[in-house]
Amino acid sequence: MGSPVDELCLVCHERGYGKVKWLKCLKCKLGGHSTCTRMTGLKSNASEVNWVCDPCALVINSEVHLREEINVMKSDIIEIKNMLKDIRLPENLQNSVMAALPALTDGVTLAVEEAVSAQSGQVEKDGMNWAEVVSRSRKRKRTQKNKNLLIIKAKGSKKAVDMKKEVEELLSDVQIMDSKLTNKGNIVINLESEEKRNAAQNKLHEVGNLIVSNGKRWDPKIMVCNVARNEDKESLIEEIIVRNNLESIDGVMNKMKIVSERPAAGGTVHYVLKCDPEVRARIHGMNDKLKLKWGVHQVYDHYFPLLCYHCLKFGHKSDSCQCKVKGHAPHCYKCAGQHEGRSCQSDVRKCFNCAASKCQSEHSVSSLSCPIFTSEVNRIRLNTNHGF
């Protein structure tokens, strides 16, 4: 039995799949891929493995320790009772002491129960579950420091493990620093230099059943704020180039493109431009400001992820959504109901992705308080080549 269809891994925020084991904590009921939590090599034959996560294990261990302390205290109280029987005390005093001992036991037990309950409550708070701790502590290798990567994908239905062995044998004469399999079944190899990467890429292109691409990072997107609306987008780019002395960059006209615009206050527009890393570095050297006509406009990096407003997943638009093709009902990006978000009349805000991951979900899908949305923004930021 695999993971539920509507349950997301709290590390990679993807649904479960059969090739990778699914871990589920017996106490807090949170789940995730074994590869995401680096708990590979599990001997269980089942695709779903029940275990206890680290924060819950701490609570259980502390609970066991406190229970042992209670038992020790109870045994001490029993010994005190036996000692009092052997000591000759006034009857009234002895009765008072014997009556106070059960109350002392109950008080200690109640204090321990409150301590255990408080510690268990801490685990359920935001930022305390095991998946968020693992996600924050993992030091993922990014392509921003090493550009000598190759991403390999098989065209047929061949197993990724077998394909990885064949690729390593084929590139035995090229020094491979590191190689790994991704969750999507691709192979990523890291080579020592750009020359070796090009040699390996040419060699792999000779194999007909492989799709090979280099690990190039994305070109940056910038947002130019509060610009007067201009119907002619080419003239706007020309004005940016001329007014800000960008003509010295070779082919600069082809290195800037307006991809979208957003309405702003006072009838102005925020323009989102895709540009070359060299152009972005030059603008950064001008304190992230651009001159246009009679004003100076602030420039920000734009990391808004591509979001499907049908299935509410990242990385594609609703026009190419497979859930829409299969006839699945849409989900509202405001209240997580099964209807289109633009027709939503509800005042309730609920995130569909966080609700599926059993996290705090009192926000919309694209809210800055959404951990899944912010992790996607950080992924885009870390994989963008800013040029500086």
Protein backbone atom coordinates (compact mmCIF):
# COMPACT_ATOMS: atom_id res chain seq x y z
CA MET A 1 0.00 0.00 0.00
CA GLY A 2 1.52 3.32 -1.09
CA SER A 3 0.90 6.83 0.15
CA PRO A 4 -2.58 8.41 -0.21
CA VAL A 5 -3.19 10.23 -3.46
CA ASP A 6 -3.97 13.55 -1.74
CA GLU A 7 -1.04 13.36 0.72
CA LEU A 8 2.13 15.30 -0.06
CA CYS A 9 5.66 14.71 1.14
CA LEU A 10 6.50 17.53 3.55
CA VAL A 11 10.10 17.74 2.23
CA CYS A 12 9.68 17.84 -1.57
CA HIS A 13 5.90 18.58 -1.59
CA GLU A 14 5.27 15.87 -4.19
CA ARG A 15 2.86 12.95 -3.99
CA GLY A 16 4.02 9.43 -3.22
CA TYR A 17 5.04 7.03 -5.95
CA GLY A 18 5.56 3.28 -5.94
CA LYS A 19 9.31 3.07 -6.55
CA VAL A 20 10.24 4.89 -3.33
CA LYS A 21 9.19 3.81 0.15
CA TRP A 22 6.77 6.05 2.02
CA LEU A 23 7.48 6.73 5.71
CA LYS A 24 4.65 7.53 8.08
CA CYS A 25 5.06 8.45 11.74
CA LEU A 26 2.87 6.36 14.06
CA LYS A 27 2.42 9.26 16.48
CA CYS A 28 1.95 12.46 14.41
CA LYS A 29 0.80 10.64 11.21
CA LEU A 30 3.03 12.79 8.94
CA GLY A 31 4.53 11.16 5.86
CA GLY A 32 7.26 11.54 3.27
CA HIS A 33 9.56 9.76 0.82
CA SER A 34 12.42 7.75 2.29
CA THR A 35 14.80 9.37 -0.22
CA CYS A 36 13.78 12.88 0.87
CA THR A 37 14.58 12.07 4.49
CA ARG A 38 17.76 10.18 3.55
CA MET A 39 16.42 7.00 5.15
CA THR A 40 17.19 4.64 2.26
CA GLY A 41 18.10 0.97 2.56
CA LEU A 42 14.98 0.06 4.53
CA LYS A 43 14.58 -3.73 4.71
CA SER A 44 10.79 -3.77 4.88
CA ASN A 45 9.10 -5.27 1.81
CA ALA A 46 6.06 -3.00 2.13
CA SER A 47 6.01 0.26 0.18
CA GLU A 48 4.70 2.07 3.29
CA VAL A 49 6.88 1.87 6.40
CA ASN A 50 5.52 2.83 9.83
CA TRP A 51 8.05 4.41 12.13
CA VAL A 52 8.39 7.15 14.75
CA CYS A 53 9.90 10.49 13.73
CA ASP A 54 12.64 12.16 15.76
CA PRO A 55 10.53 14.86 17.54
CA CYS A 56 7.89 12.28 18.48
CA ALA A 57 10.62 9.89 19.60
CA LEU A 58 11.95 12.61 21.91
CA VAL A 59 8.48 13.03 23.41
CA ILE A 60 8.05 9.26 23.83
CA ASN A 61 11.50 8.88 25.41
CA SER A 62 10.89 11.78 27.79
CA GLU A 63 7.48 10.34 28.61
CA VAL A 64 9.03 6.94 29.42
CA HIS A 65 11.68 8.65 31.54
CA LEU A 66 9.07 10.65 33.46
CA ARG A 67 6.97 7.53 34.01
CA GLU A 68 10.01 5.83 35.48
CA GLU A 69 10.51 8.82 37.78
CA ILE A 70 6.89 8.50 38.91
CA ASN A 71 7.38 4.83 39.72
CA VAL A 72 10.53 5.65 41.72
CA MET A 73 8.68 8.35 43.67
CA LYS A 74 5.78 6.00 44.35
CA SER A 75 8.14 3.33 45.67
CA ASP A 76 9.82 5.96 47.88
CA ILE A 77 6.43 6.99 49.26
CA ILE A 78 5.59 3.36 50.00
CA GLU A 79 8.88 3.03 51.89
CA ILE A 80 8.05 6.20 53.86
CA LYS A 81 4.68 4.70 54.77
CA ASN A 82 6.34 1.53 56.04
CA MET A 83 8.86 3.57 58.05
CA LEU A 84 6.09 5.62 59.65
CA LYS A 85 4.37 2.47 60.80
CA ASP A 86 7.49 1.48 62.77
CA ILE A 87 7.90 4.96 64.29
CA ARG A 88 5.73 5.78 67.28
CA LEU A 89 4.09 9.13 66.60
CA PRO A 90 1.01 10.77 68.06
CA GLU A 91 -2.05 9.32 66.40
CA ASN A 92 -3.28 12.64 65.04
CA LEU A 93 0.14 13.48 63.50
CA GLN A 94 0.51 10.01 61.98
CA ASN A 95 -2.98 10.19 60.44
CA SER A 96 -2.21 13.62 58.95
CA VAL A 97 1.06 12.41 57.39
CA MET A 98 -0.51 9.25 55.99
CA ALA A 99 -3.37 11.30 54.49
CA ALA A 100 -0.92 13.77 52.85
CA LEU A 101 1.15 11.09 51.06
CA PRO A 102 -1.55 10.09 48.47
CA ALA A 103 -2.10 13.79 47.66
CA LEU A 104 1.65 14.16 47.12
CA THR A 105 1.61 11.17 44.72
CA ASP A 106 -1.34 12.60 42.80
CA GLY A 107 0.37 16.00 42.58
CA VAL A 108 3.58 14.53 41.14
CA THR A 109 1.60 12.44 38.64
CA LEU A 110 -0.43 15.48 37.51
CA ALA A 111 2.73 17.58 37.06
CA VAL A 112 4.33 14.88 34.93
CA GLU A 113 1.19 14.52 32.80
CA GLU A 114 1.14 18.28 32.15
CA ALA A 115 4.84 18.25 31.20
CA VAL A 116 4.31 15.38 28.73
CA SER A 117 1.22 17.08 27.26
CA ALA A 118 3.08 20.38 26.82
CA GLN A 119 5.99 18.67 25.06
CA SER A 120 3.63 16.76 22.77
CA GLY A 121 1.90 20.03 21.89
CA GLN A 122 5.22 21.54 20.82
CA VAL A 123 5.62 18.87 18.14
CA GLU A 124 2.31 19.87 16.53
CA LYS A 125 3.33 23.54 16.20
CA ASP A 126 4.59 25.00 12.93
CA GLY A 127 8.27 24.31 12.26
CA MET A 128 8.47 21.43 14.73
CA ASN A 129 7.51 18.48 12.53
CA TRP A 130 10.24 16.17 11.31
CA ALA A 131 9.87 16.96 7.60
CA GLU A 132 10.38 20.71 8.03
CA VAL A 133 13.42 20.08 10.23
CA VAL A 134 14.92 17.77 7.57
CA SER A 135 14.04 20.20 4.78
CA ARG A 136 15.81 23.07 6.55
CA SER A 137 18.84 21.08 7.62
CA ARG A 138 19.57 19.41 4.28
CA LYS A 139 22.38 21.06 2.32
CA ARG A 140 21.25 20.44 -1.22
CA LYS A 141 23.77 20.71 -4.03
CA ARG A 142 22.85 23.59 -6.30
CA THR A 143 23.98 24.29 -9.82
CA GLN A 144 24.98 27.88 -9.04
CA LYS A 145 28.48 26.86 -7.91
CA ASN A 146 29.08 24.16 -10.50
CA LYS A 147 27.96 24.46 -14.11
CA ASN A 148 29.50 21.16 -15.29
CA LEU A 149 26.36 19.07 -14.91
CA LEU A 150 24.59 16.79 -17.38
CA ILE A 151 20.96 15.72 -17.00
CA ILE A 152 20.18 12.42 -18.77
CA LYS A 153 16.76 10.95 -19.44
CA ALA A 154 15.85 7.71 -21.23
CA LYS A 155 13.41 7.83 -24.14
CA GLY A 156 12.06 4.31 -23.60
CA SER A 157 10.75 2.43 -20.55
CA LYS A 158 14.17 1.35 -19.35
CA LYS A 159 14.80 1.29 -15.61
CA ALA A 160 16.72 4.28 -14.32
CA VAL A 161 19.10 2.13 -12.27
CA ASP A 162 20.12 0.06 -15.30
CA MET A 163 20.47 3.21 -17.41
CA LYS A 164 22.71 4.77 -14.75
CA LYS A 165 25.08 1.76 -14.88
CA GLU A 166 25.24 1.92 -18.68
CA VAL A 167 26.00 5.65 -18.64
CA GLU A 168 28.78 5.19 -16.08
CA GLU A 169 30.31 2.39 -18.19
CA LEU A 170 30.00 4.47 -21.35
CA LEU A 171 31.77 7.41 -19.67
CA SER A 172 34.42 5.31 -17.95
CA ASP A 173 37.19 7.24 -19.73
CA VAL A 174 35.75 10.58 -18.50
CA GLN A 175 36.25 11.44 -14.85
CA ILE A 176 32.80 11.58 -13.22
CA MET A 177 32.93 13.38 -9.87
CA ASP A 178 29.43 12.41 -8.79
CA SER A 179 26.27 10.80 -10.19
CA LYS A 180 22.81 10.37 -8.77
CA LEU A 181 19.21 9.48 -9.62
CA THR A 182 16.47 12.07 -9.23
CA ASN A 183 12.94 11.40 -7.99
CA LYS A 184 11.67 11.69 -11.59
CA GLY A 185 13.98 8.94 -12.85
CA ASN A 186 16.59 11.21 -14.44
CA ILE A 187 20.36 10.87 -14.01
CA VAL A 188 22.48 13.85 -12.98
CA ILE A 189 26.25 13.54 -13.41
CA ASN A 190 28.81 16.06 -12.25
CA LEU A 191 32.03 16.40 -14.26
CA GLU A 192 35.34 17.99 -13.38
CA SER A 193 35.51 20.65 -16.10
CA GLU A 194 33.53 22.19 -18.92
CA GLU A 195 35.71 20.43 -21.52
CA LYS A 196 34.96 17.02 -20.01
CA ARG A 197 31.28 17.88 -19.82
CA ASN A 198 31.21 18.75 -23.55
CA ALA A 199 33.12 15.55 -24.39
CA ALA A 200 30.69 13.46 -22.34
CA GLN A 201 27.70 15.22 -23.91
CA ASN A 202 28.97 14.51 -27.44
CA LYS A 203 29.55 10.87 -26.53
CA LEU A 204 26.07 10.46 -25.06
CA HIS A 205 24.46 12.11 -28.10
CA GLU A 206 25.70 9.17 -30.15
CA VAL A 207 23.41 6.89 -28.11
CA GLY A 208 19.97 7.14 -29.70
CA ASN A 209 17.79 6.32 -26.68
CA LEU A 210 19.00 9.13 -24.38
CA ILE A 211 17.96 12.77 -23.99
CA VAL A 212 20.93 14.80 -22.72
CA SER A 213 20.92 18.40 -21.52
CA ASN A 214 23.35 20.44 -19.44
CA GLY A 215 22.52 21.76 -16.01
CA LYS A 216 22.13 25.36 -17.10
CA ARG A 217 20.48 27.73 -14.67
CA TRP A 218 17.57 29.95 -15.61
CA ASP A 219 17.82 33.49 -16.89
CA PRO A 220 16.67 36.07 -14.32
CA LYS A 221 13.34 37.87 -14.33
CA ILE A 222 13.00 41.40 -13.00
CA MET A 223 10.01 43.56 -12.15
CA VAL A 224 10.15 47.25 -13.08
CA CYS A 225 7.66 49.01 -10.82
CA ASN A 226 5.12 51.78 -11.45
CA VAL A 227 5.78 52.44 -15.13
CA ALA A 228 3.33 54.36 -17.31
CA ARG A 229 1.51 51.92 -19.58
CA ASN A 230 3.16 51.58 -22.98
CA GLU A 231 1.38 49.65 -25.73
CA ASP A 232 4.55 49.32 -27.79
CA LYS A 233 6.73 46.94 -25.78
CA GLU A 234 9.71 47.15 -28.16
CA SER A 235 9.91 50.92 -27.76
CA LEU A 236 9.85 50.46 -23.97
CA ILE A 237 12.85 48.11 -24.14
CA GLU A 238 14.66 50.55 -26.45
CA GLU A 239 14.03 53.33 -23.96
CA ILE A 240 15.42 51.21 -21.11
CA ILE A 241 18.56 50.48 -23.14
CA VAL A 242 19.19 54.07 -24.25
CA ARG A 243 18.33 55.86 -21.00
CA ASN A 244 20.46 53.48 -18.88
CA ASN A 245 23.53 53.15 -21.17
CA LEU A 246 23.11 49.44 -21.89
CA GLU A 247 24.15 49.69 -25.58
CA SER A 248 27.65 48.41 -24.77
CA ILE A 249 26.25 44.90 -24.14
CA ASP A 250 26.43 42.81 -27.32
CA GLY A 251 22.99 42.00 -28.73
CA VAL A 252 21.26 43.62 -25.76
CA MET A 253 18.02 44.08 -27.73
CA ASN A 254 17.66 40.30 -27.98
CA LYS A 255 18.60 39.79 -24.32
CA MET A 256 15.56 41.56 -22.86
CA LYS A 257 11.93 40.58 -23.25
CA ILE A 258 8.69 41.67 -21.54
CA VAL A 259 6.90 38.52 -20.40
CA SER A 260 3.99 39.92 -18.38
CA GLU A 261 2.53 43.01 -16.76
CA ARG A 262 0.54 43.65 -13.61
CA PRO A 263 -1.70 46.60 -12.80
CA ALA A 264 -0.41 48.95 -10.12
CA ALA A 265 -1.58 52.06 -8.27
CA GLY A 266 -2.36 55.28 -10.11
CA GLY A 267 -2.98 53.62 -13.45
CA THR A 268 0.65 52.46 -13.73
CA VAL A 269 1.94 48.99 -14.51
CA HIS A 270 4.55 46.64 -13.07
CA TYR A 271 6.40 45.15 -16.05
CA VAL A 272 8.07 41.73 -15.67
CA LEU A 273 11.11 41.36 -17.95
CA LYS A 274 13.22 38.31 -18.72
CA CYS A 275 16.82 39.33 -19.31
CA ASP A 276 20.35 38.02 -19.69
CA PRO A 277 22.52 37.56 -16.54
CA GLU A 278 24.91 40.21 -17.91
CA VAL A 279 22.04 42.72 -18.18
CA ARG A 280 20.86 41.84 -14.65
CA ALA A 281 24.37 42.37 -13.27
CA ARG A 282 24.57 45.79 -14.95
CA ILE A 283 21.21 46.86 -13.49
CA HIS A 284 22.32 45.59 -10.07
CA GLY A 285 25.37 47.86 -10.39
CA MET A 286 22.97 50.81 -10.81
CA ASN A 287 21.46 50.14 -7.34
CA ASP A 288 18.56 48.23 -8.93
CA LYS A 289 17.05 51.34 -10.49
CA LEU A 290 16.15 52.15 -14.11
CA LYS A 291 15.61 55.57 -15.70
CA LEU A 292 12.51 55.93 -17.85
CA LYS A 293 11.32 59.25 -19.30
CA TRP A 294 11.22 61.66 -16.35
CA GLY A 295 11.38 59.18 -13.51
CA VAL A 296 13.52 56.55 -11.80
CA HIS A 297 11.87 53.19 -11.18
CA GLN A 298 12.76 50.52 -8.64
CA VAL A 299 13.72 47.05 -9.91
CA TYR A 300 13.13 43.81 -8.00
CA ASP A 301 13.94 40.19 -8.81
CA HIS A 302 10.81 38.30 -9.80
CA TYR A 303 10.55 34.70 -8.56
CA PHE A 304 6.80 34.05 -8.82
CA PRO A 305 6.47 30.34 -9.75
CA LEU A 306 4.35 28.99 -12.57
CA LEU A 307 1.08 27.85 -10.96
CA CYS A 308 -1.72 25.79 -12.46
CA TYR A 309 -5.07 27.23 -11.39
CA HIS A 310 -6.82 23.91 -12.08
CA CYS A 311 -4.89 21.36 -9.98
CA LEU A 312 -2.96 24.03 -7.98
CA LYS A 313 0.42 22.40 -8.66
CA PHE A 314 3.55 24.25 -9.69
CA GLY A 315 5.50 23.97 -12.93
CA HIS A 316 2.74 24.12 -15.57
CA LYS A 317 -0.29 26.15 -16.66
CA SER A 318 -3.91 25.05 -16.67
CA ASP A 319 -3.83 24.81 -20.49
CA SER A 320 -1.45 21.84 -20.27
CA CYS A 321 -2.79 20.34 -17.02
CA GLN A 322 -3.19 16.55 -17.21
CA CYS A 323 -5.82 16.60 -14.46
CA LYS A 324 -7.92 18.89 -16.64
CA VAL A 325 -7.46 16.57 -19.64
CA LYS A 326 -8.60 13.59 -17.54
CA GLY A 327 -11.72 15.47 -16.45
CA HIS A 328 -10.83 15.99 -12.79
CA ALA A 329 -12.64 18.78 -10.98
CA PRO A 330 -10.72 22.02 -10.39
CA HIS A 331 -9.65 23.22 -6.95
CA CYS A 332 -10.13 26.76 -5.70
CA TYR A 333 -6.93 28.66 -4.92
CA LYS A 334 -8.79 30.66 -2.26
CA CYS A 335 -10.85 28.18 -0.20
CA ALA A 336 -9.62 24.79 -1.60
CA GLY A 337 -13.16 23.89 -2.71
CA GLN A 338 -13.94 21.95 -5.87
CA HIS A 339 -14.73 24.95 -8.07
CA GLU A 340 -12.85 27.60 -10.03
CA GLY A 341 -11.16 30.26 -7.92
CA ARG A 342 -12.39 33.20 -10.00
CA SER A 343 -16.00 32.27 -9.19
CA CYS A 344 -15.38 31.74 -5.46
CA GLN A 345 -17.71 33.67 -3.13
CA SER A 346 -16.32 32.33 0.14
CA ASP A 347 -14.54 34.50 2.72
CA VAL A 348 -12.67 31.47 4.08
CA ARG A 349 -9.00 31.14 3.12
CA LYS A 350 -7.63 27.62 2.91
CA CYS A 351 -4.56 26.32 1.04
CA PHE A 352 -5.23 23.09 -0.85
CA ASN A 353 -1.55 22.06 -0.91
CA CYS A 354 -0.98 22.63 2.83
CA ALA A 355 -4.24 20.87 3.70
CA ALA A 356 -3.06 17.84 1.69
CA SER A 357 0.24 17.94 3.60
CA LYS A 358 -1.59 18.24 6.95
CA CYS A 359 0.00 21.62 7.71
CA GLN A 360 -1.48 24.93 8.82
CA SER A 361 -3.71 25.90 5.85
CA GLU A 362 -5.46 29.15 6.81
CA HIS A 363 -4.11 31.02 3.77
CA SER A 364 -4.37 31.02 -0.02
CA VAL A 365 -2.18 28.91 -2.31
CA SER A 366 0.08 31.81 -3.33
CA SER A 367 0.37 33.41 0.10
CA LEU A 368 3.81 34.29 1.44
CA SER A 369 2.86 32.46 4.64
CA CYS A 370 2.48 29.19 2.69
CA PRO A 371 5.57 26.95 3.24
CA ILE A 372 5.03 25.10 -0.05
CA PHE A 373 4.78 28.33 -2.07
CA THR A 374 7.83 29.86 -0.36
CA SER A 375 9.87 26.68 -0.91
CA GLU A 376 9.04 26.87 -4.63
CA VAL A 377 10.07 30.54 -4.67
CA ASN A 378 13.38 29.64 -2.98
CA ARG A 379 13.94 26.85 -5.51
CA ILE A 380 13.57 29.34 -8.38
CA ARG A 381 15.81 31.87 -6.63
CA LEU A 382 18.60 29.34 -6.04
CA ASN A 383 18.43 28.05 -9.62
CA THR A 384 18.51 31.51 -11.23
CA ASN A 385 21.75 32.85 -12.69
CA HIS A 386 21.76 36.48 -11.56
CA GLY A 387 25.15 37.27 -13.06
CA PHE A 388 26.60 38.71 -9.85
